[in-house]
Amino acid sequence: MADTLRVKSVETTDEYIHVRFRDPDVFDTIRTPDWAADIARDISNGAEVRTGKRIGSDEWEVQSVLIEKQAGTEKARDEAKEIAQEIES
């Protein structure tokens, strides 16, 4: 079962605000699936979602959400949480 979604870190890059929910080191595989981006873009245009499969598990969880930089940090945090909750519900 997935752990509670809490923002672990927020980092601004050239194009995105990267909102991390889980440490990438706990995953065996990380992907950016199109189906998750489709859900994300309903909430924040241009958003991307990175999902990970934990080591020794078949479950996929949201690792992080990337929101376009112009959204600003606070809005990016809020939208990323909404996206992650929508995907994991």
N, C-alpha and C. Protein backbone atom coordinates (compact mmCIF):
# COMPACT_ATOMS: atom_id res chain seq x y z
N MET A 1 0.84 -1.19 0.00
CA MET A 1 0.00 0.00 0.00
C MET A 1 0.88 1.25 0.00
N ALA A 2 0.43 2.25 -0.72
CA ALA A 2 1.20 3.49 -0.85
C ALA A 2 1.22 4.26 0.48
N ASP A 3 2.33 4.91 0.75
CA ASP A 3 2.43 5.72 1.96
C ASP A 3 1.71 7.05 1.74
N THR A 4 1.54 7.81 2.80
CA THR A 4 0.85 9.09 2.72
C THR A 4 1.66 10.06 1.87
N LEU A 5 0.95 10.76 0.99
CA LEU A 5 1.62 11.72 0.10
C LEU A 5 1.97 13.00 0.85
N ARG A 6 3.26 13.26 0.95
CA ARG A 6 3.76 14.50 1.51
C ARG A 6 4.88 15.00 0.62
N VAL A 7 4.94 16.28 0.43
CA VAL A 7 6.00 16.87 -0.38
C VAL A 7 7.31 16.74 0.39
N LYS A 8 8.29 16.09 -0.23
CA LYS A 8 9.61 15.91 0.39
C LYS A 8 10.55 17.05 0.01
N SER A 9 10.43 17.52 -1.25
CA SER A 9 11.29 18.62 -1.68
C SER A 9 10.70 19.28 -2.92
N VAL A 10 11.11 20.52 -3.14
CA VAL A 10 10.70 21.28 -4.32
C VAL A 10 11.96 21.92 -4.89
N GLU A 11 12.19 21.68 -6.18
CA GLU A 11 13.39 22.20 -6.84
C GLU A 11 12.99 22.83 -8.16
N THR A 12 13.53 23.99 -8.44
CA THR A 12 13.25 24.68 -9.69
C THR A 12 14.39 24.44 -10.67
N THR A 13 14.03 23.98 -11.87
CA THR A 13 15.01 23.78 -12.93
C THR A 13 14.72 24.80 -14.04
N ASP A 14 15.37 24.66 -15.17
CA ASP A 14 15.17 25.62 -16.26
C ASP A 14 13.73 25.70 -16.74
N GLU A 15 13.04 24.56 -16.82
CA GLU A 15 11.69 24.53 -17.38
C GLU A 15 10.60 24.17 -16.39
N TYR A 16 10.96 23.45 -15.32
CA TYR A 16 9.95 22.91 -14.42
C TYR A 16 10.23 23.22 -12.96
N ILE A 17 9.17 23.11 -12.17
CA ILE A 17 9.29 23.03 -10.73
C ILE A 17 9.05 21.56 -10.41
N HIS A 18 10.06 20.91 -9.86
CA HIS A 18 10.06 19.48 -9.61
C HIS A 18 9.62 19.25 -8.16
N VAL A 19 8.41 18.71 -7.99
CA VAL A 19 7.87 18.45 -6.66
C VAL A 19 8.03 16.96 -6.37
N ARG A 20 8.90 16.64 -5.42
CA ARG A 20 9.20 15.24 -5.10
C ARG A 20 8.39 14.79 -3.89
N PHE A 21 7.78 13.61 -4.04
CA PHE A 21 7.01 13.00 -2.95
C PHE A 21 7.76 11.84 -2.30
N ARG A 22 8.56 11.13 -3.09
CA ARG A 22 9.28 9.97 -2.58
C ARG A 22 10.71 9.97 -3.12
N ASP A 23 11.61 9.43 -2.34
CA ASP A 23 13.02 9.34 -2.71
C ASP A 23 13.17 8.38 -3.89
N PRO A 24 13.85 8.79 -4.95
CA PRO A 24 14.00 7.91 -6.11
C PRO A 24 14.81 6.65 -5.81
N ASP A 25 15.59 6.65 -4.74
CA ASP A 25 16.42 5.49 -4.39
C ASP A 25 15.61 4.29 -3.92
N VAL A 26 14.33 4.47 -3.55
CA VAL A 26 13.51 3.34 -3.09
C VAL A 26 12.85 2.60 -4.26
N PHE A 27 13.09 3.10 -5.48
CA PHE A 27 12.46 2.49 -6.65
C PHE A 27 13.46 1.72 -7.50
N ASP A 28 12.98 0.61 -8.02
CA ASP A 28 13.76 -0.20 -8.95
C ASP A 28 13.72 0.42 -10.34
N THR A 29 12.56 0.95 -10.71
CA THR A 29 12.33 1.53 -12.03
C THR A 29 11.53 2.82 -11.88
N ILE A 30 11.87 3.85 -12.65
CA ILE A 30 11.09 5.09 -12.69
C ILE A 30 10.77 5.40 -14.14
N ARG A 31 9.49 5.73 -14.38
CA ARG A 31 9.04 6.06 -15.74
C ARG A 31 8.19 7.32 -15.71
N THR A 32 8.04 7.90 -16.90
CA THR A 32 7.15 9.05 -17.09
C THR A 32 6.08 8.62 -18.09
N PRO A 33 5.03 7.94 -17.60
CA PRO A 33 4.03 7.38 -18.51
C PRO A 33 3.10 8.44 -19.11
N ASP A 34 2.71 8.21 -20.36
CA ASP A 34 1.79 9.14 -21.04
C ASP A 34 0.43 9.20 -20.34
N TRP A 35 -0.07 8.07 -19.85
CA TRP A 35 -1.39 8.07 -19.21
C TRP A 35 -1.40 8.97 -17.98
N ALA A 36 -0.30 9.01 -17.23
CA ALA A 36 -0.23 9.86 -16.05
C ALA A 36 -0.15 11.33 -16.44
N ALA A 37 0.58 11.62 -17.53
CA ALA A 37 0.66 12.99 -18.01
C ALA A 37 -0.70 13.48 -18.48
N ASP A 38 -1.49 12.59 -19.08
CA ASP A 38 -2.84 12.97 -19.52
C ASP A 38 -3.70 13.40 -18.33
N ILE A 39 -3.61 12.65 -17.23
CA ILE A 39 -4.35 13.01 -16.01
C ILE A 39 -3.82 14.32 -15.44
N ALA A 40 -2.50 14.45 -15.41
CA ALA A 40 -1.87 15.65 -14.84
C ALA A 40 -2.25 16.90 -15.60
N ARG A 41 -2.30 16.81 -16.90
CA ARG A 41 -2.57 17.99 -17.73
C ARG A 41 -4.00 18.50 -17.59
N ASP A 42 -4.89 17.65 -17.07
CA ASP A 42 -6.24 18.12 -16.76
C ASP A 42 -6.21 19.10 -15.58
N ILE A 43 -5.18 19.01 -14.76
CA ILE A 43 -5.04 19.87 -13.59
C ILE A 43 -4.06 21.00 -13.85
N SER A 44 -2.95 20.70 -14.53
CA SER A 44 -1.91 21.70 -14.80
C SER A 44 -1.34 21.45 -16.19
N ASN A 45 -1.63 22.34 -17.11
CA ASN A 45 -1.18 22.19 -18.49
C ASN A 45 0.34 22.05 -18.57
N GLY A 46 0.80 21.02 -19.27
CA GLY A 46 2.23 20.80 -19.45
C GLY A 46 2.89 19.98 -18.35
N ALA A 47 2.13 19.56 -17.35
CA ALA A 47 2.70 18.80 -16.23
C ALA A 47 3.13 17.40 -16.67
N GLU A 48 4.13 16.87 -15.97
CA GLU A 48 4.63 15.51 -16.19
C GLU A 48 4.65 14.79 -14.85
N VAL A 49 4.48 13.49 -14.89
CA VAL A 49 4.47 12.69 -13.66
C VAL A 49 5.49 11.57 -13.79
N ARG A 50 6.31 11.42 -12.79
CA ARG A 50 7.25 10.30 -12.74
C ARG A 50 6.71 9.29 -11.75
N THR A 51 6.53 8.07 -12.22
CA THR A 51 6.06 7.00 -11.35
C THR A 51 7.18 5.99 -11.16
N GLY A 52 7.17 5.34 -10.02
CA GLY A 52 8.21 4.37 -9.73
C GLY A 52 7.65 3.06 -9.21
N LYS A 53 8.36 1.98 -9.51
CA LYS A 53 8.03 0.65 -8.99
C LYS A 53 9.05 0.35 -7.91
N ARG A 54 8.56 0.17 -6.71
CA ARG A 54 9.46 -0.07 -5.57
C ARG A 54 10.23 -1.38 -5.74
N ILE A 55 11.40 -1.40 -5.19
CA ILE A 55 12.24 -2.60 -5.21
C ILE A 55 11.48 -3.73 -4.51
N GLY A 56 11.35 -4.85 -5.20
CA GLY A 56 10.67 -6.01 -4.62
C GLY A 56 9.16 -5.92 -4.63
N SER A 57 8.58 -5.02 -5.39
CA SER A 57 7.12 -4.84 -5.42
C SER A 57 6.66 -4.72 -6.87
N ASP A 58 5.38 -4.97 -7.08
CA ASP A 58 4.78 -4.77 -8.40
C ASP A 58 3.96 -3.49 -8.45
N GLU A 59 3.87 -2.77 -7.33
CA GLU A 59 3.07 -1.55 -7.27
C GLU A 59 3.84 -0.35 -7.79
N TRP A 60 3.13 0.49 -8.54
CA TRP A 60 3.69 1.75 -9.05
C TRP A 60 3.12 2.89 -8.23
N GLU A 61 3.96 3.86 -7.89
CA GLU A 61 3.56 5.01 -7.09
C GLU A 61 4.11 6.28 -7.72
N VAL A 62 3.49 7.40 -7.41
CA VAL A 62 3.99 8.68 -7.88
C VAL A 62 5.28 8.99 -7.13
N GLN A 63 6.35 9.20 -7.88
CA GLN A 63 7.63 9.58 -7.28
C GLN A 63 7.72 11.10 -7.22
N SER A 64 7.36 11.76 -8.36
CA SER A 64 7.41 13.22 -8.41
C SER A 64 6.51 13.74 -9.52
N VAL A 65 6.22 15.02 -9.43
CA VAL A 65 5.42 15.71 -10.44
C VAL A 65 6.20 16.95 -10.86
N LEU A 66 6.26 17.17 -12.17
CA LEU A 66 6.93 18.34 -12.72
C LEU A 66 5.87 19.30 -13.26
N ILE A 67 5.88 20.53 -12.74
CA ILE A 67 4.94 21.57 -13.12
C ILE A 67 5.73 22.65 -13.86
N GLU A 68 5.14 23.18 -14.92
CA GLU A 68 5.85 24.21 -15.67
C GLU A 68 6.23 25.37 -14.75
N LYS A 69 7.44 25.88 -14.95
CA LYS A 69 8.06 26.87 -14.07
C LYS A 69 7.22 28.13 -13.83
N GLN A 70 6.53 28.60 -14.86
CA GLN A 70 5.79 29.86 -14.71
C GLN A 70 4.65 29.77 -13.70
N ALA A 71 4.30 28.57 -13.24
CA ALA A 71 3.22 28.43 -12.25
C ALA A 71 3.61 29.04 -10.91
N GLY A 72 4.89 29.04 -10.59
CA GLY A 72 5.34 29.52 -9.28
C GLY A 72 5.35 28.38 -8.28
N THR A 73 6.17 28.52 -7.26
CA THR A 73 6.41 27.43 -6.31
C THR A 73 5.16 27.00 -5.55
N GLU A 74 4.43 27.93 -4.97
CA GLU A 74 3.26 27.56 -4.16
C GLU A 74 2.18 26.89 -4.99
N LYS A 75 1.89 27.44 -6.14
CA LYS A 75 0.88 26.85 -7.03
C LYS A 75 1.35 25.48 -7.51
N ALA A 76 2.64 25.34 -7.80
CA ALA A 76 3.19 24.06 -8.24
C ALA A 76 3.02 23.00 -7.15
N ARG A 77 3.29 23.35 -5.92
CA ARG A 77 3.11 22.40 -4.80
C ARG A 77 1.66 21.95 -4.72
N ASP A 78 0.74 22.89 -4.78
CA ASP A 78 -0.68 22.57 -4.67
C ASP A 78 -1.15 21.70 -5.83
N GLU A 79 -0.75 22.07 -7.06
CA GLU A 79 -1.17 21.30 -8.23
C GLU A 79 -0.53 19.91 -8.23
N ALA A 80 0.71 19.80 -7.82
CA ALA A 80 1.39 18.50 -7.78
C ALA A 80 0.71 17.57 -6.78
N LYS A 81 0.32 18.10 -5.62
CA LYS A 81 -0.39 17.29 -4.63
C LYS A 81 -1.72 16.82 -5.19
N GLU A 82 -2.44 17.70 -5.85
CA GLU A 82 -3.73 17.34 -6.44
C GLU A 82 -3.55 16.25 -7.50
N ILE A 83 -2.54 16.39 -8.33
CA ILE A 83 -2.26 15.40 -9.38
C ILE A 83 -1.91 14.04 -8.76
N ALA A 84 -1.02 14.04 -7.80
CA ALA A 84 -0.59 12.79 -7.16
C ALA A 84 -1.76 12.10 -6.48
N GLN A 85 -2.60 12.86 -5.80
CA GLN A 85 -3.76 12.28 -5.13
C GLN A 85 -4.75 11.70 -6.15
N GLU A 86 -4.94 12.38 -7.26
CA GLU A 86 -5.84 11.89 -8.31
C GLU A 86 -5.33 10.57 -8.88
N ILE A 87 -4.05 10.47 -9.12
CA ILE A 87 -3.48 9.24 -9.68
C ILE A 87 -3.50 8.08 -8.69
N GLU A 88 -3.24 8.35 -7.44
CA GLU A 88 -3.15 7.27 -6.46
C GLU A 88 -4.47 6.94 -5.79
N SER A 89 -5.52 7.65 -6.14
CA SER A 89 -6.82 7.34 -5.51
C SER A 89 -7.56 6.25 -6.24
